[in-house]
Amino acid sequence: MERWQTQLRLRIRGIPWRVKVGFDYEWKAWLLAYDITETDPAEFLKLDIDRQVIILAYGAAAWHLMKHGKNVYFTPEDIAEALLRATKEENNQLVAAMAYARWPEWMRQVKNDKKKEET
């Protein structure tokens, strides 16, 4: 498993046992998060930090399932509830994976170009 990926065993609403949920923090997880909140990146940063983390976790989990050709069977609220029930160690594992988010070269190039224009 790569640094930007992790798996947690979470208790999702409606399922009586803990389910293994994969999280892939790739750039597509952020696009899913922007789509869910119907915001652009600048507006997304203005959201409450807890809301940002939950929506990004949902985006990463949904992207993991989509990448493997599976249906997404939970909502952002289900992920929020499951993360509240998760242990501190599990939540730290999720944050560590988020810290190593993977971005394609072309997106890094655009980001660096914007920084150069601002200076």
PDB file of N, CA and C in Angstrom:
ATOM      1  N   MET A   1       0.842  -1.174   0.000  1.00  0.00           N
ATOM      2  CA  MET A   1       0.000   0.000   0.000  1.00  0.00           C
ATOM      3  C   MET A   1       0.893   1.245   0.000  1.00  0.00           C
ATOM      4  N   GLU A   2       0.513   2.235  -0.771  1.00  0.00           N
ATOM      5  CA  GLU A   2       1.292   3.469  -0.889  1.00  0.00           C
ATOM      6  C   GLU A   2       1.019   4.392   0.298  1.00  0.00           C
ATOM      7  N   ARG A   3       1.835   5.426   0.428  1.00  0.00           N
ATOM      8  CA  ARG A   3       1.688   6.347   1.555  1.00  0.00           C
ATOM      9  C   ARG A   3       0.363   7.095   1.547  1.00  0.00           C
ATOM     10  N   TRP A   4      -0.180   7.361   0.376  1.00  0.00           N
ATOM     11  CA  TRP A   4      -1.429   8.128   0.278  1.00  0.00           C
ATOM     12  C   TRP A   4      -2.653   7.220   0.393  1.00  0.00           C
ATOM     13  N   GLN A   5      -2.444   5.950   0.654  1.00  0.00           N
ATOM     14  CA  GLN A   5      -3.542   5.002   0.785  1.00  0.00           C
ATOM     15  C   GLN A   5      -3.557   4.416   2.190  1.00  0.00           C
ATOM     16  N   THR A   6      -4.737   4.113   2.678  1.00  0.00           N
ATOM     17  CA  THR A   6      -4.876   3.422   3.950  1.00  0.00           C
ATOM     18  C   THR A   6      -6.198   2.670   3.961  1.00  0.00           C
ATOM     19  N   GLN A   7      -6.322   1.739   4.876  1.00  0.00           N
ATOM     20  CA  GLN A   7      -7.569   1.006   5.064  1.00  0.00           C
ATOM     21  C   GLN A   7      -7.907   1.003   6.540  1.00  0.00           C
ATOM     22  N   LEU A   8      -9.166   1.265   6.843  1.00  0.00           N
ATOM     23  CA  LEU A   8      -9.650   1.223   8.218  1.00  0.00           C
ATOM     24  C   LEU A   8     -10.840   0.286   8.290  1.00  0.00           C
ATOM     25  N   ARG A   9     -11.018  -0.329   9.439  1.00  0.00           N
ATOM     26  CA  ARG A   9     -12.203  -1.139   9.662  1.00  0.00           C
ATOM     27  C   ARG A   9     -13.195  -0.255  10.416  1.00  0.00           C
ATOM     28  N   LEU A  10     -14.223   0.190   9.705  1.00  0.00           N
ATOM     29  CA  LEU A  10     -15.198   1.122  10.270  1.00  0.00           C
ATOM     30  C   LEU A  10     -16.573   0.479  10.374  1.00  0.00           C
ATOM     31  N   ARG A  11     -17.342   0.993  11.304  1.00  0.00           N
ATOM     32  CA  ARG A  11     -18.717   0.543  11.466  1.00  0.00           C
ATOM     33  C   ARG A  11     -19.608   1.523  10.704  1.00  0.00           C
ATOM     34  N   ILE A  12     -20.086   1.090   9.538  1.00  0.00           N
ATOM     35  CA  ILE A  12     -20.946   1.914   8.687  1.00  0.00           C
ATOM     36  C   ILE A  12     -22.400   1.635   9.053  1.00  0.00           C
ATOM     37  N   ARG A  13     -23.206   2.699   9.087  1.00  0.00           N
ATOM     38  CA  ARG A  13     -24.614   2.569   9.439  1.00  0.00           C
ATOM     39  C   ARG A  13     -25.316   1.574   8.513  1.00  0.00           C
ATOM     40  N   GLY A  14     -26.111   0.708   9.099  1.00  0.00           N
ATOM     41  CA  GLY A  14     -26.876  -0.266   8.328  1.00  0.00           C
ATOM     42  C   GLY A  14     -26.162  -1.591   8.138  1.00  0.00           C
ATOM     43  N   ILE A  15     -24.883  -1.655   8.485  1.00  0.00           N
ATOM     44  CA  ILE A  15     -24.115  -2.893   8.380  1.00  0.00           C
ATOM     45  C   ILE A  15     -23.716  -3.289   9.804  1.00  0.00           C
ATOM     46  N   PRO A  16     -24.122  -4.473  10.261  1.00  0.00           N
ATOM     47  CA  PRO A  16     -23.926  -4.840  11.668  1.00  0.00           C
ATOM     48  C   PRO A  16     -22.489  -5.177  12.071  1.00  0.00           C
ATOM     49  N   TRP A  17     -21.547  -5.215  11.164  1.00  0.00           N
ATOM     50  CA  TRP A  17     -20.159  -5.539  11.505  1.00  0.00           C
ATOM     51  C   TRP A  17     -19.236  -4.464  10.941  1.00  0.00           C
ATOM     52  N   ARG A  18     -17.996  -4.485  11.369  1.00  0.00           N
ATOM     53  CA  ARG A  18     -17.013  -3.522  10.854  1.00  0.00           C
ATOM     54  C   ARG A  18     -16.639  -3.888   9.422  1.00  0.00           C
ATOM     55  N   VAL A  19     -16.576  -2.886   8.570  1.00  0.00           N
ATOM     56  CA  VAL A  19     -16.290  -3.066   7.152  1.00  0.00           C
ATOM     57  C   VAL A  19     -14.921  -2.450   6.850  1.00  0.00           C
ATOM     58  N   LYS A  20     -14.143  -3.131   6.034  1.00  0.00           N
ATOM     59  CA  LYS A  20     -12.852  -2.588   5.620  1.00  0.00           C
ATOM     60  C   LYS A  20     -13.106  -1.527   4.548  1.00  0.00           C
ATOM     61  N   VAL A  21     -12.710  -0.299   4.847  1.00  0.00           N
ATOM     62  CA  VAL A  21     -12.909   0.828   3.932  1.00  0.00           C
ATOM     63  C   VAL A  21     -11.536   1.345   3.517  1.00  0.00           C
ATOM     64  N   GLY A  22     -11.303   1.406   2.219  1.00  0.00           N
ATOM     65  CA  GLY A  22     -10.042   1.929   1.697  1.00  0.00           C
ATOM     66  C   GLY A  22     -10.156   3.414   1.404  1.00  0.00           C
ATOM     67  N   PHE A  23      -9.079   4.128   1.596  1.00  0.00           N
ATOM     68  CA  PHE A  23      -9.021   5.563   1.328  1.00  0.00           C
ATOM     69  C   PHE A  23      -7.832   5.822   0.415  1.00  0.00           C
ATOM     70  N   ASP A  24      -8.080   6.409  -0.751  1.00  0.00           N
ATOM     71  CA  ASP A  24      -7.017   6.777  -1.691  1.00  0.00           C
ATOM     72  C   ASP A  24      -7.015   8.295  -1.830  1.00  0.00           C
ATOM     73  N   TYR A  25      -6.042   8.936  -1.229  1.00  0.00           N
ATOM     74  CA  TYR A  25      -5.951  10.391  -1.307  1.00  0.00           C
ATOM     75  C   TYR A  25      -5.187  10.792  -2.553  1.00  0.00           C
ATOM     76  N   GLU A  26      -5.861  10.662  -3.683  1.00  0.00           N
ATOM     77  CA  GLU A  26      -5.332  11.142  -4.951  1.00  0.00           C
ATOM     78  C   GLU A  26      -6.139  12.379  -5.320  1.00  0.00           C
ATOM     79  N   TRP A  27      -5.726  13.088  -6.337  1.00  0.00           N
ATOM     80  CA  TRP A  27      -6.374  14.346  -6.705  1.00  0.00           C
ATOM     81  C   TRP A  27      -7.845  14.171  -7.034  1.00  0.00           C
ATOM     82  N   LYS A  28      -8.245  12.997  -7.462  1.00  0.00           N
ATOM     83  CA  LYS A  28      -9.654  12.777  -7.794  1.00  0.00           C
ATOM     84  C   LYS A  28     -10.532  12.786  -6.553  1.00  0.00           C
ATOM     85  N   ALA A  29      -9.967  12.473  -5.400  1.00  0.00           N
ATOM     86  CA  ALA A  29     -10.720  12.560  -4.144  1.00  0.00           C
ATOM     87  C   ALA A  29     -11.118  14.012  -3.877  1.00  0.00           C
ATOM     88  N   TRP A  30     -10.211  14.947  -4.188  1.00  0.00           N
ATOM     89  CA  TRP A  30     -10.531  16.365  -4.009  1.00  0.00           C
ATOM     90  C   TRP A  30     -11.606  16.800  -5.000  1.00  0.00           C
ATOM     91  N   LEU A  31     -11.531  16.320  -6.228  1.00  0.00           N
ATOM     92  CA  LEU A  31     -12.565  16.675  -7.210  1.00  0.00           C
ATOM     93  C   LEU A  31     -13.931  16.174  -6.753  1.00  0.00           C
ATOM     94  N   LEU A  32     -13.988  14.963  -6.199  1.00  0.00           N
ATOM     95  CA  LEU A  32     -15.251  14.446  -5.664  1.00  0.00           C
ATOM     96  C   LEU A  32     -15.733  15.315  -4.505  1.00  0.00           C
ATOM     97  N   ALA A  33     -14.824  15.747  -3.650  1.00  0.00           N
ATOM     98  CA  ALA A  33     -15.195  16.602  -2.518  1.00  0.00           C
ATOM     99  C   ALA A  33     -15.751  17.939  -3.005  1.00  0.00           C
ATOM    100  N   TYR A  34     -15.114  18.532  -4.016  1.00  0.00           N
ATOM    101  CA  TYR A  34     -15.620  19.793  -4.565  1.00  0.00           C
ATOM    102  C   TYR A  34     -17.001  19.590  -5.181  1.00  0.00           C
ATOM    103  N   ASP A  35     -17.201  18.461  -5.840  1.00  0.00           N
ATOM    104  CA  ASP A  35     -18.481  18.169  -6.471  1.00  0.00           C
ATOM    105  C   ASP A  35     -19.580  17.988  -5.430  1.00  0.00           C
ATOM    106  N   ILE A  36     -19.285  17.294  -4.349  1.00  0.00           N
ATOM    107  CA  ILE A  36     -20.280  17.043  -3.303  1.00  0.00           C
ATOM    108  C   ILE A  36     -20.705  18.343  -2.639  1.00  0.00           C
ATOM    109  N   THR A  37     -19.739  19.205  -2.344  1.00  0.00           N
ATOM    110  CA  THR A  37     -20.062  20.471  -1.681  1.00  0.00           C
ATOM    111  C   THR A  37     -20.499  21.551  -2.663  1.00  0.00           C
ATOM    112  N   GLU A  38     -20.388  21.261  -3.957  1.00  0.00           N
ATOM    113  CA  GLU A  38     -20.754  22.203  -5.017  1.00  0.00           C
ATOM    114  C   GLU A  38     -20.009  23.530  -4.853  1.00  0.00           C
ATOM    115  N   THR A  39     -18.698  23.409  -4.603  1.00  0.00           N
ATOM    116  CA  THR A  39     -17.855  24.590  -4.434  1.00  0.00           C
ATOM    117  C   THR A  39     -16.620  24.465  -5.313  1.00  0.00           C
ATOM    118  N   ASP A  40     -15.906  25.570  -5.413  1.00  0.00           N
ATOM    119  CA  ASP A  40     -14.597  25.522  -6.068  1.00  0.00           C
ATOM    120  C   ASP A  40     -13.543  25.430  -4.956  1.00  0.00           C
ATOM    121  N   PRO A  41     -12.284  25.225  -5.300  1.00  0.00           N
ATOM    122  CA  PRO A  41     -11.259  25.062  -4.258  1.00  0.00           C
ATOM    123  C   PRO A  41     -11.182  26.225  -3.263  1.00  0.00           C
ATOM    124  N   ALA A  42     -11.356  27.447  -3.724  1.00  0.00           N
ATOM    125  CA  ALA A  42     -11.283  28.602  -2.820  1.00  0.00           C
ATOM    126  C   ALA A  42     -12.436  28.592  -1.820  1.00  0.00           C
ATOM    127  N   GLU A  43     -13.642  28.282  -2.294  1.00  0.00           N
ATOM    128  CA  GLU A  43     -14.801  28.225  -1.403  1.00  0.00           C
ATOM    129  C   GLU A  43     -14.707  27.031  -0.462  1.00  0.00           C
ATOM    130  N   PHE A  44     -14.130  25.928  -0.945  1.00  0.00           N
ATOM    131  CA  PHE A  44     -13.980  24.732  -0.121  1.00  0.00           C
ATOM    132  C   PHE A  44     -13.107  25.029   1.099  1.00  0.00           C
ATOM    133  N   LEU A  45     -12.072  25.842   0.919  1.00  0.00           N
ATOM    134  CA  LEU A  45     -11.185  26.193   2.030  1.00  0.00           C
ATOM    135  C   LEU A  45     -11.881  27.044   3.086  1.00  0.00           C
ATOM    136  N   LYS A  46     -12.979  27.691   2.722  1.00  0.00           N
ATOM    137  CA  LYS A  46     -13.723  28.514   3.671  1.00  0.00           C
ATOM    138  C   LYS A  46     -14.663  27.685   4.542  1.00  0.00           C
ATOM    139  N   LEU A  47     -14.893  26.416   4.169  1.00  0.00           N
ATOM    140  CA  LEU A  47     -15.746  25.542   4.973  1.00  0.00           C
ATOM    141  C   LEU A  47     -15.076  25.233   6.304  1.00  0.00           C
ATOM    142  N   ASP A  48     -15.880  24.813   7.265  1.00  0.00           N
ATOM    143  CA  ASP A  48     -15.369  24.380   8.559  1.00  0.00           C
ATOM    144  C   ASP A  48     -14.352  23.253   8.355  1.00  0.00           C
ATOM    145  N   ILE A  49     -13.250  23.273   9.100  1.00  0.00           N
ATOM    146  CA  ILE A  49     -12.175  22.298   8.900  1.00  0.00           C
ATOM    147  C   ILE A  49     -12.660  20.860   9.111  1.00  0.00           C
ATOM    148  N   ASP A  50     -13.548  20.652  10.075  1.00  0.00           N
ATOM    149  CA  ASP A  50     -14.080  19.303  10.296  1.00  0.00           C
ATOM    150  C   ASP A  50     -14.879  18.835   9.088  1.00  0.00           C
ATOM    151  N   ARG A  51     -15.652  19.732   8.526  1.00  0.00           N
ATOM    152  CA  ARG A  51     -16.439  19.400   7.328  1.00  0.00           C
ATOM    153  C   ARG A  51     -15.505  19.070   6.161  1.00  0.00           C
ATOM    154  N   GLN A  52     -14.432  19.828   6.010  1.00  0.00           N
ATOM    155  CA  GLN A  52     -13.467  19.556   4.940  1.00  0.00           C
ATOM    156  C   GLN A  52     -12.869  18.161   5.080  1.00  0.00           C
ATOM    157  N   VAL A  53     -12.456  17.807   6.296  1.00  0.00           N
ATOM    158  CA  VAL A  53     -11.828  16.499   6.530  1.00  0.00           C
ATOM    159  C   VAL A  53     -12.808  15.371   6.238  1.00  0.00           C
ATOM    160  N   ILE A  54     -14.051  15.530   6.674  1.00  0.00           N
ATOM    161  CA  ILE A  54     -15.059  14.485   6.456  1.00  0.00           C
ATOM    162  C   ILE A  54     -15.356  14.325   4.971  1.00  0.00           C
ATOM    163  N   ILE A  55     -15.548  15.428   4.277  1.00  0.00           N
ATOM    164  CA  ILE A  55     -15.850  15.360   2.846  1.00  0.00           C
ATOM    165  C   ILE A  55     -14.661  14.800   2.070  1.00  0.00           C
ATOM    166  N   LEU A  56     -13.439  15.178   2.438  1.00  0.00           N
ATOM    167  CA  LEU A  56     -12.258  14.614   1.776  1.00  0.00           C
ATOM    168  C   LEU A  56     -12.123  13.122   2.064  1.00  0.00           C
ATOM    169  N   ALA A  57     -12.439  12.710   3.292  1.00  0.00           N
ATOM    170  CA  ALA A  57     -12.397  11.275   3.618  1.00  0.00           C
ATOM    171  C   ALA A  57     -13.429  10.527   2.786  1.00  0.00           C
ATOM    172  N   TYR A  58     -14.616  11.117   2.645  1.00  0.00           N
ATOM    173  CA  TYR A  58     -15.634  10.490   1.801  1.00  0.00           C
ATOM    174  C   TYR A  58     -15.148  10.411   0.354  1.00  0.00           C
ATOM    175  N   GLY A  59     -14.571  11.496  -0.151  1.00  0.00           N
ATOM    176  CA  GLY A  59     -14.061  11.499  -1.522  1.00  0.00           C
ATOM    177  C   GLY A  59     -12.989  10.451  -1.737  1.00  0.00           C
ATOM    178  N   ALA A  60     -12.093  10.301  -0.758  1.00  0.00           N
ATOM    179  CA  ALA A  60     -11.018   9.307  -0.868  1.00  0.00           C
ATOM    180  C   ALA A  60     -11.575   7.891  -0.823  1.00  0.00           C
ATOM    181  N   ALA A  61     -12.561   7.656   0.042  1.00  0.00           N
ATOM    182  CA  ALA A  61     -13.163   6.323   0.136  1.00  0.00           C
ATOM    183  C   ALA A  61     -13.983   6.009  -1.117  1.00  0.00           C
ATOM    184  N   ALA A  62     -14.728   6.999  -1.596  1.00  0.00           N
ATOM    185  CA  ALA A  62     -15.524   6.795  -2.807  1.00  0.00           C
ATOM    186  C   ALA A  62     -14.611   6.550  -4.009  1.00  0.00           C
ATOM    187  N   TRP A  63     -13.518   7.307  -4.110  1.00  0.00           N
ATOM    188  CA  TRP A  63     -12.586   7.120  -5.219  1.00  0.00           C
ATOM    189  C   TRP A  63     -11.951   5.733  -5.163  1.00  0.00           C
ATOM    190  N   HIS A  64     -11.632   5.258  -3.962  1.00  0.00           N
ATOM    191  CA  HIS A  64     -11.055   3.919  -3.815  1.00  0.00           C
ATOM    192  C   HIS A  64     -12.011   2.863  -4.380  1.00  0.00           C
ATOM    193  N   LEU A  65     -13.295   2.988  -4.044  1.00  0.00           N
ATOM    194  CA  LEU A  65     -14.283   2.027  -4.555  1.00  0.00           C
ATOM    195  C   LEU A  65     -14.455   2.156  -6.064  1.00  0.00           C
ATOM    196  N   MET A  66     -14.565   3.384  -6.560  1.00  0.00           N
ATOM    197  CA  MET A  66     -14.755   3.598  -7.999  1.00  0.00           C
ATOM    198  C   MET A  66     -13.575   3.062  -8.798  1.00  0.00           C
ATOM    199  N   LYS A  67     -12.363   3.276  -8.278  1.00  0.00           N
ATOM    200  CA  LYS A  67     -11.156   2.823  -8.951  1.00  0.00           C
ATOM    201  C   LYS A  67     -11.137   1.299  -9.090  1.00  0.00           C
ATOM    202  N   HIS A  68     -11.777   0.615  -8.143  1.00  0.00           N
ATOM    203  CA  HIS A  68     -11.837  -0.844  -8.180  1.00  0.00           C
ATOM    204  C   HIS A  68     -13.139  -1.359  -8.795  1.00  0.00           C
ATOM    205  N   GLY A  69     -13.923  -0.466  -9.416  1.00  0.00           N
ATOM    206  CA  GLY A  69     -15.137  -0.860 -10.124  1.00  0.00           C
ATOM    207  C   GLY A  69     -16.293  -1.254  -9.227  1.00  0.00           C
ATOM    208  N   LYS A  70     -16.335  -0.712  -8.011  1.00  0.00           N
ATOM    209  CA  LYS A  70     -17.399  -1.057  -7.066  1.00  0.00           C
ATOM    210  C   LYS A  70     -18.296   0.149  -6.822  1.00  0.00           C
ATOM    211  N   ASN A  71     -19.513  -0.131  -6.378  1.00  0.00           N
ATOM    212  CA  ASN A  71     -20.464   0.927  -6.062  1.00  0.00           C
ATOM    213  C   ASN A  71     -20.146   1.546  -4.707  1.00  0.00           C
ATOM    214  N   VAL A  72     -20.414   2.827  -4.574  1.00  0.00           N
ATOM    215  CA  VAL A  72     -20.254   3.514  -3.294  1.00  0.00           C
ATOM    216  C   VAL A  72     -21.523   3.253  -2.491  1.00  0.00           C
ATOM    217  N   TYR A  73     -21.370   2.652  -1.325  1.00  0.00           N
ATOM    218  CA  TYR A  73     -22.527   2.212  -0.546  1.00  0.00           C
ATOM    219  C   TYR A  73     -22.723   3.017   0.738  1.00  0.00           C
ATOM    220  N   PHE A  74     -22.089   4.170   0.844  1.00  0.00           N
ATOM    221  CA  PHE A  74     -22.236   4.994   2.032  1.00  0.00           C
ATOM    222  C   PHE A  74     -22.306   6.461   1.628  1.00  0.00           C
ATOM    223  N   THR A  75     -22.721   7.290   2.565  1.00  0.00           N
ATOM    224  CA  THR A  75     -22.853   8.731   2.339  1.00  0.00           C
ATOM    225  C   THR A  75     -21.780   9.466   3.149  1.00  0.00           C
ATOM    226  N   PRO A  76     -21.598  10.747   2.902  1.00  0.00           N
ATOM    227  CA  PRO A  76     -20.655  11.505   3.739  1.00  0.00           C
ATOM    228  C   PRO A  76     -21.041  11.468   5.226  1.00  0.00           C
ATOM    229  N   GLU A  77     -22.336  11.449   5.503  1.00  0.00           N
ATOM    230  CA  GLU A  77     -22.787  11.378   6.893  1.00  0.00           C
ATOM    231  C   GLU A  77     -22.408  10.046   7.524  1.00  0.00           C
ATOM    232  N   ASP A  78     -22.485   8.963   6.748  1.00  0.00           N
ATOM    233  CA  ASP A  78     -22.065   7.650   7.250  1.00  0.00           C
ATOM    234  C   ASP A  78     -20.581   7.656   7.602  1.00  0.00           C
ATOM    235  N   ILE A  79     -19.766   8.256   6.749  1.00  0.00           N
ATOM    236  CA  ILE A  79     -18.325   8.339   7.014  1.00  0.00           C
ATOM    237  C   ILE A  79     -18.072   9.201   8.251  1.00  0.00           C
ATOM    238  N   ALA A  80     -18.789  10.315   8.379  1.00  0.00           N
ATOM    239  CA  ALA A  80     -18.614  11.186   9.545  1.00  0.00           C
ATOM    240  C   ALA A  80     -18.928  10.428  10.830  1.00  0.00           C
ATOM    241  N   GLU A  81     -20.037   9.707  10.826  1.00  0.00           N
ATOM    242  CA  GLU A  81     -20.434   8.929  12.003  1.00  0.00           C
ATOM    243  C   GLU A  81     -19.417   7.830  12.304  1.00  0.00           C
ATOM    244  N   ALA A  82     -18.938   7.158  11.276  1.00  0.00           N
ATOM    245  CA  ALA A  82     -17.961   6.082  11.460  1.00  0.00           C
ATOM    246  C   ALA A  82     -16.635   6.627  11.988  1.00  0.00           C
ATOM    247  N   LEU A  83     -16.214   7.792  11.500  1.00  0.00           N
ATOM    248  CA  LEU A  83     -14.959   8.372  11.977  1.00  0.00           C
ATOM    249  C   LEU A  83     -15.073   8.863  13.416  1.00  0.00           C
ATOM    250  N   LEU A  84     -16.268   9.285  13.818  1.00  0.00           N
ATOM    251  CA  LEU A  84     -16.470   9.664  15.221  1.00  0.00           C
ATOM    252  C   LEU A  84     -16.330   8.452  16.136  1.00  0.00           C
ATOM    253  N   ARG A  85     -16.752   7.297  15.659  1.00  0.00           N
ATOM    254  CA  ARG A  85     -16.649   6.060  16.440  1.00  0.00           C
ATOM    255  C   ARG A  85     -15.258   5.433  16.365  1.00  0.00           C
ATOM    256  N   ALA A  86     -14.465   5.835  15.410  1.00  0.00           N
ATOM    257  CA  ALA A  86     -13.136   5.244  15.216  1.00  0.00           C
ATOM    258  C   ALA A  86     -12.205   5.640  16.364  1.00  0.00           C
ATOM    259  N   THR A  87     -11.172   4.847  16.540  1.00  0.00           N
ATOM    260  CA  THR A  87     -10.199   5.142  17.590  1.00  0.00           C
ATOM    261  C   THR A  87      -9.294   6.290  17.158  1.00  0.00           C
ATOM    262  N   LYS A  88      -8.583   6.835  18.125  1.00  0.00           N
ATOM    263  CA  LYS A  88      -7.652   7.927  17.833  1.00  0.00           C
ATOM    264  C   LYS A  88      -6.554   7.441  16.884  1.00  0.00           C
ATOM    265  N   GLU A  89      -6.106   6.215  17.069  1.00  0.00           N
ATOM    266  CA  GLU A  89      -5.066   5.642  16.206  1.00  0.00           C
ATOM    267  C   GLU A  89      -5.549   5.539  14.758  1.00  0.00           C
ATOM    268  N   GLU A  90      -6.806   5.119  14.574  1.00  0.00           N
ATOM    269  CA  GLU A  90      -7.358   5.006  13.218  1.00  0.00           C
ATOM    270  C   GLU A  90      -7.462   6.379  12.562  1.00  0.00           C
ATOM    271  N   ASN A  91      -7.908   7.364  13.314  1.00  0.00           N
ATOM    272  CA  ASN A  91      -8.015   8.717  12.760  1.00  0.00           C
ATOM    273  C   ASN A  91      -6.639   9.296  12.435  1.00  0.00           C
ATOM    274  N   ASN A  92      -5.648   9.011  13.262  1.00  0.00           N
ATOM    275  CA  ASN A  92      -4.281   9.465  12.968  1.00  0.00           C
ATOM    276  C   ASN A  92      -3.739   8.799  11.711  1.00  0.00           C
ATOM    277  N   GLN A  93      -4.091   7.539  11.514  1.00  0.00           N
ATOM    278  CA  GLN A  93      -3.673   6.812  10.312  1.00  0.00           C
ATOM    279  C   GLN A  93      -4.265   7.476   9.067  1.00  0.00           C
ATOM    280  N   LEU A  94      -5.519   7.910   9.172  1.00  0.00           N
ATOM    281  CA  LEU A  94      -6.189   8.580   8.064  1.00  0.00           C
ATOM    282  C   LEU A  94      -5.528   9.928   7.760  1.00  0.00           C
ATOM    283  N   VAL A  95      -5.215  10.689   8.797  1.00  0.00           N
ATOM    284  CA  VAL A  95      -4.570  11.993   8.615  1.00  0.00           C
ATOM    285  C   VAL A  95      -3.172  11.822   8.014  1.00  0.00           C
ATOM    286  N   ALA A  96      -2.461  10.788   8.432  1.00  0.00           N
ATOM    287  CA  ALA A  96      -1.124  10.529   7.882  1.00  0.00           C
ATOM    288  C   ALA A  96      -1.202  10.230   6.390  1.00  0.00           C
ATOM    289  N   ALA A  97      -2.206   9.469   5.981  1.00  0.00           N
ATOM    290  CA  ALA A  97      -2.378   9.173   4.552  1.00  0.00           C
ATOM    291  C   ALA A  97      -2.726  10.442   3.783  1.00  0.00           C
ATOM    292  N   MET A  98      -3.550  11.305   4.380  1.00  0.00           N
ATOM    293  CA  MET A  98      -3.939  12.551   3.728  1.00  0.00           C
ATOM    294  C   MET A  98      -2.726  13.464   3.534  1.00  0.00           C
ATOM    295  N   ALA A  99      -1.787  13.403   4.451  1.00  0.00           N
ATOM    296  CA  ALA A  99      -0.593  14.246   4.360  1.00  0.00           C
ATOM    297  C   ALA A  99       0.269  13.893   3.151  1.00  0.00           C
ATOM    298  N   TYR A 100       0.167  12.664   2.667  1.00  0.00           N
ATOM    299  CA  TYR A 100       0.951  12.224   1.512  1.00  0.00           C
ATOM    300  C   TYR A 100       0.110  12.190   0.235  1.00  0.00           C
ATOM    301  N   ALA A 101      -0.871  13.062   0.144  1.00  0.00           N
ATOM    302  CA  ALA A 101      -1.760  13.087  -1.019  1.00  0.00           C
ATOM    303  C   ALA A 101      -0.966  13.120  -2.316  1.00  0.00           C
ATOM    304  N   ARG A 102      -1.474  12.408  -3.304  1.00  0.00           N
ATOM    305  CA  ARG A 102      -0.773  12.267  -4.584  1.00  0.00           C
ATOM    306  C   ARG A 102      -1.417  13.161  -5.634  1.00  0.00           C
ATOM    307  N   TRP A 103      -0.601  13.977  -6.273  1.00  0.00           N
ATOM    308  CA  TRP A 103      -1.063  14.886  -7.314  1.00  0.00           C
ATOM    309  C   TRP A 103      -0.300  14.589  -8.592  1.00  0.00           C
ATOM    310  N   PRO A 104      -0.982  14.656  -9.749  1.00  0.00           N
ATOM    311  CA  PRO A 104      -0.274  14.424 -11.012  1.00  0.00           C
ATOM    312  C   PRO A 104       0.671  15.588 -11.320  1.00  0.00           C
ATOM    313  N   GLU A 105       1.637  15.323 -12.148  1.00  0.00           N
ATOM    314  CA  GLU A 105       2.664  16.321 -12.482  1.00  0.00           C
ATOM    315  C   GLU A 105       2.048  17.589 -13.083  1.00  0.00           C
ATOM    316  N   TRP A 106       1.040  17.433 -13.963  1.00  0.00           N
ATOM    317  CA  TRP A 106       0.466  18.612 -14.610  1.00  0.00           C
ATOM    318  C   TRP A 106      -0.228  19.521 -13.609  1.00  0.00           C
ATOM    319  N   MET A 107      -0.821  18.963 -12.533  1.00  0.00           N
ATOM    320  CA  MET A 107      -1.464  19.810 -11.528  1.00  0.00           C
ATOM    321  C   MET A 107      -0.420  20.533 -10.679  1.00  0.00           C
ATOM    322  N   ARG A 108       0.672  19.872 -10.374  1.00  0.00           N
ATOM    323  CA  ARG A 108       1.746  20.521  -9.624  1.00  0.00           C
ATOM    324  C   ARG A 108       2.340  21.655 -10.441  1.00  0.00           C
ATOM    325  N   GLN A 109       2.434  21.453 -11.748  1.00  0.00           N
ATOM    326  CA  GLN A 109       2.976  22.474 -12.643  1.00  0.00           C
ATOM    327  C   GLN A 109       2.079  23.705 -12.646  1.00  0.00           C
ATOM    328  N   VAL A 110       0.769  23.511 -12.725  1.00  0.00           N
ATOM    329  CA  VAL A 110      -0.183  24.628 -12.708  1.00  0.00           C
ATOM    330  C   VAL A 110      -0.081  25.371 -11.385  1.00  0.00           C
ATOM    331  N   LYS A 111       0.006  24.645 -10.287  1.00  0.00           N
ATOM    332  CA  LYS A 111       0.104  25.255  -8.964  1.00  0.00           C
ATOM    333  C   LYS A 111       1.378  26.096  -8.849  1.00  0.00           C
ATOM    334  N   ASN A 112       2.495  25.576  -9.321  1.00  0.00           N
ATOM    335  CA  ASN A 112       3.763  26.310  -9.278  1.00  0.00           C
ATOM    336  C   ASN A 112       3.729  27.537 -10.177  1.00  0.00           C
ATOM    337  N   ASP A 113       3.072  27.435 -11.339  1.00  0.00           N
ATOM    338  CA  ASP A 113       2.953  28.583 -12.241  1.00  0.00           C
ATOM    339  C   ASP A 113       2.164  29.710 -11.584  1.00  0.00           C
ATOM    340  N   LYS A 114       1.110  29.367 -10.855  1.00  0.00           N
ATOM    341  CA  LYS A 114       0.310  30.385 -10.168  1.00  0.00           C
ATOM    342  C   LYS A 114       1.139  31.084  -9.101  1.00  0.00           C
ATOM    343  N   LYS A 115       1.965  30.327  -8.380  1.00  0.00           N
ATOM    344  CA  LYS A 115       2.816  30.935  -7.359  1.00  0.00           C
ATOM    345  C   LYS A 115       3.800  31.906  -7.992  1.00  0.00           C
ATOM    346  N   LYS A 116       4.353  31.558  -9.153  1.00  0.00           N
ATOM    347  CA  LYS A 116       5.311  32.425  -9.832  1.00  0.00           C
ATOM    348  C   LYS A 116       4.647  33.720 -10.290  1.00  0.00           C
ATOM    349  N   GLU A 117       3.391  33.628 -10.752  1.00  0.00           N
ATOM    350  CA  GLU A 117       2.671  34.815 -11.218  1.00  0.00           C
ATOM    351  C   GLU A 117       2.379  35.768 -10.068  1.00  0.00           C
ATOM    352  N   GLU A 118       2.126  35.219  -8.874  1.00  0.00           N
ATOM    353  CA  GLU A 118       1.788  36.052  -7.724  1.00  0.00           C
ATOM    354  C   GLU A 118       2.984  36.840  -7.211  1.00  0.00           C
ATOM    355  N   THR A 119       4.185  36.329  -7.421  1.00  0.00           N
ATOM    356  CA  THR A 119       5.373  37.021  -6.884  1.00  0.00           C
ATOM    357  C   THR A 119       5.929  38.044  -7.830  1.00  0.00           C
TER     358      THR A 119
END
